PDB file of N, CA and C in Angstrom:
ATOM      1  N   MET A   1     107.035  94.206  85.152  1.00  0.00           N
ATOM      2  CA  MET A   1     108.224  95.555  85.686  1.00  0.00           C
ATOM      3  C   MET A   1     107.833  94.925  87.592  1.00  0.00           C
ATOM      4  N   SER A   2     108.446  95.107  88.184  1.00  0.00           N
ATOM      5  CA  SER A   2     108.124  94.325  89.639  1.00  0.00           C
ATOM      6  C   SER A   2     108.480  95.954  90.492  1.00  0.00           C
ATOM      7  N   PHE A   3     107.573  95.702  91.733  1.00  0.00           N
ATOM      8  CA  PHE A   3     107.798  96.615  92.389  1.00  0.00           C
ATOM      9  C   PHE A   3     108.438  96.334  93.808  1.00  0.00           C
ATOM     10  N   SER A   4     108.976  97.241  94.481  1.00  0.00           N
ATOM     11  CA  SER A   4     109.364  96.765  95.447  1.00  0.00           C
ATOM     12  C   SER A   4     108.816  97.387  96.803  1.00  0.00           C
ATOM     13  N   LEU A   5     108.200  95.991  97.759  1.00  0.00           N
ATOM     14  CA  LEU A   5     107.473  96.497  98.526  1.00  0.00           C
ATOM     15  C   LEU A   5     108.192  97.687  99.658  1.00  0.00           C
ATOM     16  N   LYS A   6     109.093  97.983  99.719  1.00  0.00           N
ATOM     17  CA  LYS A   6     109.410  98.529 100.688  1.00  0.00           C
ATOM     18  C   LYS A   6     109.145  99.943 100.271  1.00  0.00           C
ATOM     19  N   ALA A   7     109.342 100.299  98.867  1.00  0.00           N
ATOM     20  CA  ALA A   7     109.021 101.480  98.094  1.00  0.00           C
ATOM     21  C   ALA A   7     107.454 101.851  98.030  1.00  0.00           C
ATOM     22  N   ILE A   8     107.049 100.694  98.095  1.00  0.00           N
ATOM     23  CA  ILE A   8     105.273 101.141  98.291  1.00  0.00           C
ATOM     24  C   ILE A   8     105.227 101.464  99.421  1.00  0.00           C
ATOM     25  N   LEU A   9     105.382 101.151 100.559  1.00  0.00           N
ATOM     26  CA  LEU A   9     105.108 101.116 101.822  1.00  0.00           C
ATOM     27  C   LEU A   9     105.917 102.475 102.234  1.00  0.00           C
ATOM     28  N   THR A  10     106.832 102.982 102.065  1.00  0.00           N
ATOM     29  CA  THR A  10     107.839 104.320 102.307  1.00  0.00           C
ATOM     30  C   THR A  10     106.467 105.244 101.631  1.00  0.00           C
ATOM     31  N   CYS A  11     106.274 105.057 100.723  1.00  0.00           N
ATOM     32  CA  CYS A  11     105.424 105.915  99.977  1.00  0.00           C
ATOM     33  C   CYS A  11     103.813 106.539 100.579  1.00  0.00           C
ATOM     34  N   PHE A  12     103.313 105.605 100.895  1.00  0.00           N
ATOM     35  CA  PHE A  12     101.991 105.043 101.737  1.00  0.00           C
ATOM     36  C   PHE A  12     102.407 105.530 102.891  1.00  0.00           C
ATOM     37  N   SER A  13     103.528 105.343 103.424  1.00  0.00           N
ATOM     38  CA  SER A  13     103.561 105.899 104.772  1.00  0.00           C
ATOM     39  C   SER A  13     103.676 107.775 104.803  1.00  0.00           C
ATOM     40  N   PHE A  14     104.560 108.126 103.705  1.00  0.00           N
ATOM     41  CA  PHE A  14     104.636 109.302 103.884  1.00  0.00           C
ATOM     42  C   PHE A  14     103.214 110.252 103.426  1.00  0.00           C
ATOM     43  N   TYR A  15     102.612 109.695 102.277  1.00  0.00           N
ATOM     44  CA  TYR A  15     101.777 110.509 101.992  1.00  0.00           C
ATOM     45  C   TYR A  15     100.227 110.203 103.203  1.00  0.00           C
ATOM     46  N   THR A  16     100.303 109.345 103.823  1.00  0.00           N
ATOM     47  CA  THR A  16      99.486 109.066 104.766  1.00  0.00           C
ATOM     48  C   THR A  16      99.797 109.526 105.785  1.00  0.00           C
ATOM     49  N   GLY A  17     101.002 110.016 106.065  1.00  0.00           N
ATOM     50  CA  GLY A  17     101.253 111.030 107.193  1.00  0.00           C
ATOM     51  C   GLY A  17     100.512 112.069 107.188  1.00  0.00           C
ATOM     52  N   ALA A  18     101.165 112.741 105.526  1.00  0.00           N
ATOM     53  CA  ALA A  18     101.015 114.502 105.570  1.00  0.00           C
ATOM     54  C   ALA A  18      99.591 114.280 105.320  1.00  0.00           C
ATOM     55  N   TYR A  19      98.498 113.568 105.045  1.00  0.00           N
ATOM     56  CA  TYR A  19      97.280 113.493 104.901  1.00  0.00           C
ATOM     57  C   TYR A  19      96.909 113.663 106.365  1.00  0.00           C
ATOM     58  N   LEU A  20      96.998 112.787 107.155  1.00  0.00           N
ATOM     59  CA  LEU A  20      96.444 113.162 108.584  1.00  0.00           C
ATOM     60  C   LEU A  20      96.886 114.327 109.182  1.00  0.00           C
ATOM     61  N   ILE A  21      98.428 114.666 108.845  1.00  0.00           N
ATOM     62  CA  ILE A  21      98.883 116.430 109.637  1.00  0.00           C
ATOM     63  C   ILE A  21      98.230 117.120 108.879  1.00  0.00           C
ATOM     64  N   TYR A  22      97.472 117.536 107.566  1.00  0.00           N
ATOM     65  CA  TYR A  22      96.517 118.160 106.999  1.00  0.00           C
ATOM     66  C   TYR A  22      95.347 118.017 107.597  1.00  0.00           C
ATOM     67  N   TYR A  23      94.633 116.791 108.036  1.00  0.00           N
ATOM     68  CA  TYR A  23      93.349 116.489 108.353  1.00  0.00           C
ATOM     69  C   TYR A  23      93.614 117.059 110.179  1.00  0.00           C
ATOM     70  N   PHE A  24      94.396 116.946 110.445  1.00  0.00           N
ATOM     71  CA  PHE A  24      94.704 117.497 112.133  1.00  0.00           C
ATOM     72  C   PHE A  24      94.137 118.995 112.227  1.00  0.00           C
ATOM     73  N   PHE A  25      95.004 119.590 111.080  1.00  0.00           N
ATOM     74  CA  PHE A  25      94.505 121.463 111.406  1.00  0.00           C
ATOM     75  C   PHE A  25      93.606 121.813 110.505  1.00  0.00           C
ATOM     76  N   LYS A  26      92.980 120.979 109.437  1.00  0.00           N
ATOM     77  CA  LYS A  26      91.884 121.523 108.596  1.00  0.00           C
ATOM     78  C   LYS A  26      90.589 120.949 109.379  1.00  0.00           C
ATOM     79  N   ALA A  27      90.536 119.945 109.664  1.00  0.00           N
ATOM     80  CA  ALA A  27      89.021 119.649 110.173  1.00  0.00           C
ATOM     81  C   ALA A  27      89.100 119.504 111.524  1.00  0.00           C
ATOM     82  N   HIS A  28      89.391 118.274 112.249  1.00  0.00           N
ATOM     83  CA  HIS A  28      89.567 117.828 113.730  1.00  0.00           C
ATOM     84  C   HIS A  28      90.882 117.807 114.311  1.00  0.00           C
ATOM     85  N   PRO A  29      90.927 118.815 115.276  1.00  0.00           N
ATOM     86  CA  PRO A  29      91.975 118.817 115.995  1.00  0.00           C
ATOM     87  C   PRO A  29      92.151 117.965 117.368  1.00  0.00           C
ATOM     88  N   GLN A  30      91.961 116.721 116.858  1.00  0.00           N
ATOM     89  CA  GLN A  30      92.266 115.655 117.930  1.00  0.00           C
ATOM     90  C   GLN A  30      93.820 115.076 117.813  1.00  0.00           C
ATOM     91  N   PRO A  31      94.335 115.389 118.912  1.00  0.00           N
ATOM     92  CA  PRO A  31      96.147 114.801 118.749  1.00  0.00           C
ATOM     93  C   PRO A  31      96.488 113.126 118.252  1.00  0.00           C
ATOM     94  N   LEU A  32      95.347 112.320 118.235  1.00  0.00           N
ATOM     95  CA  LEU A  32      95.895 110.929 117.897  1.00  0.00           C
ATOM     96  C   LEU A  32      96.120 111.227 116.090  1.00  0.00           C
ATOM     97  N   PHE A  33      95.450 111.595 115.284  1.00  0.00           N
ATOM     98  CA  PHE A  33      95.467 112.364 113.973  1.00  0.00           C
ATOM     99  C   PHE A  33      97.186 112.815 113.719  1.00  0.00           C
ATOM    100  N   LEU A  34      97.520 113.526 114.744  1.00  0.00           N
ATOM    101  CA  LEU A  34      98.824 114.389 114.358  1.00  0.00           C
ATOM    102  C   LEU A  34      99.879 113.417 114.792  1.00  0.00           C
ATOM    103  N   LEU A  35      99.888 112.638 115.879  1.00  0.00           N
ATOM    104  CA  LEU A  35     100.896 111.690 116.419  1.00  0.00           C
ATOM    105  C   LEU A  35     100.941 110.904 115.778  1.00  0.00           C
ATOM    106  N   LEU A  36      99.619 109.850 114.674  1.00  0.00           N
ATOM    107  CA  LEU A  36      99.830 109.030 114.018  1.00  0.00           C
ATOM    108  C   LEU A  36     100.504 109.486 112.823  1.00  0.00           C
ATOM    109  N   GLY A  37     100.105 110.938 111.915  1.00  0.00           N
ATOM    110  CA  GLY A  37     100.645 111.270 110.911  1.00  0.00           C
ATOM    111  C   GLY A  37     102.373 111.490 111.109  1.00  0.00           C
ATOM    112  N   VAL A  38     102.682 111.835 112.233  1.00  0.00           N
ATOM    113  CA  VAL A  38     104.121 112.137 112.950  1.00  0.00           C
ATOM    114  C   VAL A  38     105.502 110.756 112.713  1.00  0.00           C
ATOM    115  N   ALA A  39     104.160 109.881 113.052  1.00  0.00           N
ATOM    116  CA  ALA A  39     104.883 108.667 113.355  1.00  0.00           C
ATOM    117  C   ALA A  39     105.069 108.023 112.215  1.00  0.00           C
ATOM    118  N   LEU A  40     104.120 108.081 111.011  1.00  0.00           N
ATOM    119  CA  LEU A  40     104.070 107.650 109.800  1.00  0.00           C
ATOM    120  C   LEU A  40     105.223 108.054 108.956  1.00  0.00           C
ATOM    121  N   ILE A  41     105.257 109.760 109.228  1.00  0.00           N
ATOM    122  CA  ILE A  41     106.177 110.596 108.414  1.00  0.00           C
ATOM    123  C   ILE A  41     107.775 110.215 108.681  1.00  0.00           C
ATOM    124  N   VAL A  42     107.812 109.740 110.130  1.00  0.00           N
ATOM    125  CA  VAL A  42     109.182 109.224 110.772  1.00  0.00           C
ATOM    126  C   VAL A  42     109.450 107.801 110.126  1.00  0.00           C
ATOM    127  N   THR A  43     108.315 106.914 110.174  1.00  0.00           N
ATOM    128  CA  THR A  43     108.613 105.593 109.617  1.00  0.00           C
ATOM    129  C   THR A  43     109.110 105.501 107.790  1.00  0.00           C
ATOM    130  N   ALA A  44     108.243 106.457 107.162  1.00  0.00           N
ATOM    131  CA  ALA A  44     108.651 106.879 105.836  1.00  0.00           C
ATOM    132  C   ALA A  44     110.168 106.889 105.736  1.00  0.00           C
ATOM    133  N   TRP A  45     110.463 107.749 106.751  1.00  0.00           N
ATOM    134  CA  TRP A  45     112.028 108.544 106.902  1.00  0.00           C
ATOM    135  C   TRP A  45     113.182 107.341 107.265  1.00  0.00           C
ATOM    136  N   PHE A  46     112.535 106.247 107.915  1.00  0.00           N
ATOM    137  CA  PHE A  46     113.482 105.441 108.574  1.00  0.00           C
ATOM    138  C   PHE A  46     113.853 104.240 107.303  1.00  0.00           C
ATOM    139  N   LEU A  47     112.350 104.291 106.453  1.00  0.00           N
ATOM    140  CA  LEU A  47     112.475 103.341 105.102  1.00  0.00           C
ATOM    141  C   LEU A  47     113.318 103.469 103.966  1.00  0.00           C
ATOM    142  N   THR A  48     113.378 105.209 103.957  1.00  0.00           N
ATOM    143  CA  THR A  48     113.806 105.504 102.888  1.00  0.00           C
ATOM    144  C   THR A  48     115.132 105.239 102.588  1.00  0.00           C
ATOM    145  N   PRO A  49     116.130 104.484 101.879  1.00  0.00           N
ATOM    146  CA  PRO A  49     117.674 104.219 102.525  1.00  0.00           C
ATOM    147  C   PRO A  49     118.292 105.525 101.629  1.00  0.00           C
ATOM    148  N   TYR A  50     119.396 105.353 102.156  1.00  0.00           N
ATOM    149  CA  TYR A  50     120.730 106.715 101.911  1.00  0.00           C
ATOM    150  C   TYR A  50     121.466 106.227 100.398  1.00  0.00           C
ATOM    151  N   PRO A  51     121.791 107.323  99.840  1.00  0.00           N
ATOM    152  CA  PRO A  51     122.301 107.230  98.626  1.00  0.00           C
ATOM    153  C   PRO A  51     123.340 106.397  98.613  1.00  0.00           C
ATOM    154  N   TYR A  52     124.370 106.142  99.428  1.00  0.00           N
ATOM    155  CA  TYR A  52     125.459 105.168  99.639  1.00  0.00           C
ATOM    156  C   TYR A  52     124.744 103.474  99.558  1.00  0.00           C
ATOM    157  N   GLU A  53     123.355 103.361 100.101  1.00  0.00           N
ATOM    158  CA  GLU A  53     123.056 102.069 100.092  1.00  0.00           C
ATOM    159  C   GLU A  53     122.105 101.558  98.892  1.00  0.00           C
ATOM    160  N   ARG A  54     123.230 101.279  97.831  1.00  0.00           N
ATOM    161  CA  ARG A  54     122.452 100.837  96.559  1.00  0.00           C
ATOM    162  C   ARG A  54     121.602  99.354  96.849  1.00  0.00           C
ATOM    163  N   GLY A  55     120.566  99.295  96.810  1.00  0.00           N
ATOM    164  CA  GLY A  55     119.835  98.405  96.912  1.00  0.00           C
ATOM    165  C   GLY A  55     119.139  98.132  95.825  1.00  0.00           C
ATOM    166  N   ARG A  56     118.030  97.346  94.998  1.00  0.00           N
ATOM    167  CA  ARG A  56     117.728  96.643  93.975  1.00  0.00           C
ATOM    168  C   ARG A  56     117.636  97.769  92.758  1.00  0.00           C
ATOM    169  N   GLN A  57     117.930  97.625  91.683  1.00  0.00           N
ATOM    170  CA  GLN A  57     117.735  98.393  90.576  1.00  0.00           C
ATOM    171  C   GLN A  57     115.783  98.950  90.344  1.00  0.00           C
ATOM    172  N   GLN A  58     115.003  97.931  90.985  1.00  0.00           N
ATOM    173  CA  GLN A  58     113.917  98.739  91.063  1.00  0.00           C
ATOM    174  C   GLN A  58     113.946  99.515  91.955  1.00  0.00           C
ATOM    175  N   TYR A  59     114.037  99.241  93.154  1.00  0.00           N
ATOM    176  CA  TYR A  59     113.817 100.051  94.360  1.00  0.00           C
ATOM    177  C   TYR A  59     114.080 101.740  93.801  1.00  0.00           C
ATOM    178  N   ASP A  60     116.080 101.516  92.843  1.00  0.00           N
ATOM    179  CA  ASP A  60     116.270 103.147  92.877  1.00  0.00           C
ATOM    180  C   ASP A  60     115.067 103.610  91.519  1.00  0.00           C
ATOM    181  N   GLU A  61     114.721 102.717  90.555  1.00  0.00           N
ATOM    182  CA  GLU A  61     113.608 103.421  89.723  1.00  0.00           C
ATOM    183  C   GLU A  61     112.754 103.859  89.941  1.00  0.00           C
ATOM    184  N   THR A  62     112.090 103.382  91.417  1.00  0.00           N
ATOM    185  CA  THR A  62     110.830 103.986  92.043  1.00  0.00           C
ATOM    186  C   THR A  62     111.292 105.100  92.609  1.00  0.00           C
ATOM    187  N   MET A  63     112.365 105.811  92.847  1.00  0.00           N
ATOM    188  CA  MET A  63     112.630 106.604  94.046  1.00  0.00           C
ATOM    189  C   MET A  63     113.219 107.975  93.159  1.00  0.00           C
ATOM    190  N   ARG A  64     113.450 107.621  91.730  1.00  0.00           N
ATOM    191  CA  ARG A  64     114.512 108.779  91.027  1.00  0.00           C
ATOM    192  C   ARG A  64     113.400 110.058  91.145  1.00  0.00           C
ATOM    193  N   PHE A  65     114.074 111.204  90.979  1.00  0.00           N
ATOM    194  CA  PHE A  65     113.571 112.471  90.458  1.00  0.00           C
ATOM    195  C   PHE A  65     113.407 112.986  89.666  1.00  0.00           C
ATOM    196  N   GLY A  66     112.590 113.555  88.895  1.00  0.00           N
ATOM    197  CA  GLY A  66     112.338 113.756  87.054  1.00  0.00           C
ATOM    198  C   GLY A  66     110.668 113.957  87.113  1.00  0.00           C
ATOM    199  N   LEU A  67     110.716 112.857  86.046  1.00  0.00           N
ATOM    200  CA  LEU A  67     109.122 113.352  85.897  1.00  0.00           C
ATOM    201  C   LEU A  67     107.912 112.648  87.294  1.00  0.00           C
ATOM    202  N   PHE A  68     108.683 112.272  88.277  1.00  0.00           N
ATOM    203  CA  PHE A  68     108.153 111.610  89.404  1.00  0.00           C
ATOM    204  C   PHE A  68     107.203 112.906  90.067  1.00  0.00           C
ATOM    205  N   PHE A  69     107.564 114.277  89.614  1.00  0.00           N
ATOM    206  CA  PHE A  69     107.375 115.010  90.558  1.00  0.00           C
ATOM    207  C   PHE A  69     106.043 115.970  90.014  1.00  0.00           C
ATOM    208  N   TYR A  70     105.837 115.545  88.589  1.00  0.00           N
ATOM    209  CA  TYR A  70     104.709 116.539  87.668  1.00  0.00           C
ATOM    210  C   TYR A  70     103.352 116.118  87.890  1.00  0.00           C
ATOM    211  N   ASN A  71     103.164 115.104  87.040  1.00  0.00           N
ATOM    212  CA  ASN A  71     101.729 114.624  86.736  1.00  0.00           C
ATOM    213  C   ASN A  71     101.582 113.575  87.820  1.00  0.00           C
ATOM    214  N   PRO A  72     102.311 112.580  87.681  1.00  0.00           N
ATOM    215  CA  PRO A  72     102.283 111.643  88.910  1.00  0.00           C
ATOM    216  C   PRO A  72     102.405 111.879  90.473  1.00  0.00           C
ATOM    217  N   LEU A  73     102.934 112.648  90.951  1.00  0.00           N
ATOM    218  CA  LEU A  73     102.325 113.420  92.069  1.00  0.00           C
ATOM    219  C   LEU A  73     100.665 113.226  92.768  1.00  0.00           C
ATOM    220  N   ILE A  74      99.975 113.979  91.938  1.00  0.00           N
ATOM    221  CA  ILE A  74      98.986 114.214  92.044  1.00  0.00           C
ATOM    222  C   ILE A  74      98.059 112.624  91.976  1.00  0.00           C
ATOM    223  N   PHE A  75      98.563 112.026  91.246  1.00  0.00           N
ATOM    224  CA  PHE A  75      97.860 110.472  91.405  1.00  0.00           C
ATOM    225  C   PHE A  75      98.149 109.604  92.367  1.00  0.00           C
ATOM    226  N   TRP A  76      99.696 109.405  92.596  1.00  0.00           N
ATOM    227  CA  TRP A  76     100.103 109.015  93.972  1.00  0.00           C
ATOM    228  C   TRP A  76      99.498 109.310  95.058  1.00  0.00           C
ATOM    229  N   PHE A  77      99.410 111.247  95.279  1.00  0.00           N
ATOM    230  CA  PHE A  77      98.566 111.312  96.482  1.00  0.00           C
ATOM    231  C   PHE A  77      97.440 110.966  96.926  1.00  0.00           C
ATOM    232  N   ARG A  78      96.785 110.744  95.965  1.00  0.00           N
ATOM    233  CA  ARG A  78      95.131 110.599  96.095  1.00  0.00           C
ATOM    234  C   ARG A  78      95.280 109.008  96.264  1.00  0.00           C
ATOM    235  N   PHE A  79      96.371 108.108  95.265  1.00  0.00           N
ATOM    236  CA  PHE A  79      95.989 106.707  95.683  1.00  0.00           C
ATOM    237  C   PHE A  79      96.490 106.156  96.882  1.00  0.00           C
ATOM    238  N   PHE A  80      97.938 107.049  97.265  1.00  0.00           N
ATOM    239  CA  PHE A  80      97.941 106.754  98.907  1.00  0.00           C
ATOM    240  C   PHE A  80      97.314 107.075  99.791  1.00  0.00           C
ATOM    241  N   SER A  81      96.777 107.889  99.689  1.00  0.00           N
ATOM    242  CA  SER A  81      95.522 108.914 100.446  1.00  0.00           C
ATOM    243  C   SER A  81      94.168 108.033 100.775  1.00  0.00           C
ATOM    244  N   TRP A  82      93.742 107.353  99.597  1.00  0.00           N
ATOM    245  CA  TRP A  82      92.379 106.504  99.789  1.00  0.00           C
ATOM    246  C   TRP A  82      92.209 106.235 100.997  1.00  0.00           C
ATOM    247  N   PRO A  83      93.141 105.134 101.452  1.00  0.00           N
ATOM    248  CA  PRO A  83      92.475 104.123 102.454  1.00  0.00           C
ATOM    249  C   PRO A  83      92.013 105.000 103.474  1.00  0.00           C
ATOM    250  N   ILE A  84      92.925 106.286 103.754  1.00  0.00           N
ATOM    251  CA  ILE A  84      92.827 106.801 105.468  1.00  0.00           C
ATOM    252  C   ILE A  84      91.590 108.066 104.865  1.00  0.00           C
ATOM    253  N   ARG A  85      91.451 108.150 103.775  1.00  0.00           N
ATOM    254  CA  ARG A  85      90.481 108.809 103.538  1.00  0.00           C
ATOM    255  C   ARG A  85      89.168 108.406 103.464  1.00  0.00           C
ATOM    256  N   THR A  86      89.183 107.115 103.195  1.00  0.00           N
ATOM    257  CA  THR A  86      88.049 106.132 103.345  1.00  0.00           C
ATOM    258  C   THR A  86      87.523 105.894 104.459  1.00  0.00           C
ATOM    259  N   LEU A  87      88.724 105.478 105.719  1.00  0.00           N
ATOM    260  CA  LEU A  87      88.217 105.268 107.094  1.00  0.00           C
ATOM    261  C   LEU A  87      88.150 106.586 107.787  1.00  0.00           C
ATOM    262  N   LEU A  88      88.432 107.900 107.464  1.00  0.00           N
ATOM    263  CA  LEU A  88      87.853 108.790 107.820  1.00  0.00           C
ATOM    264  C   LEU A  88      86.327 109.172 107.688  1.00  0.00           C
ATOM    265  N   SER A  89      86.175 108.833 106.484  1.00  0.00           N
ATOM    266  CA  SER A  89      84.209 108.898 105.884  1.00  0.00           C
ATOM    267  C   SER A  89      83.554 108.163 106.566  1.00  0.00           C
ATOM    268  N   ILE A  90      84.120 107.138 107.098  1.00  0.00           N
ATOM    269  CA  ILE A  90      83.198 105.827 107.583  1.00  0.00           C
ATOM    270  C   ILE A  90      82.912 106.401 109.109  1.00  0.00           C
ATOM    271  N   PHE A  91      84.365 106.712 110.233  1.00  0.00           N
ATOM    272  CA  PHE A  91      84.483 107.201 111.246  1.00  0.00           C
ATOM    273  C   PHE A  91      83.777 108.172 111.721  1.00  0.00           C
ATOM    274  N   ALA A  92      84.674 109.169 111.223  1.00  0.00           N
ATOM    275  CA  ALA A  92      84.637 110.177 111.626  1.00  0.00           C
ATOM    276  C   ALA A  92      83.269 111.202 111.076  1.00  0.00           C
TER     277      ALA A  92
END
């Protein structure tokens, strides 16, 4: 089973951007966190293909809705927000 690098980058950008926006409102109201979070979500929006753009089958399988939103959502949020949480715990 091979993963698409574009799909991984899209998920990483979205969840890290969402966490940075959350961190801006919850902990430290620094504009850099908000701007970086919005930029990452916009990056994820640009990387996500339109429905009529059929890419490789592996990418379509990673972005399918179904069981994706139940249990794995918690895992993927914690997995992709881990780097930013680590950096924030070191430098903040």
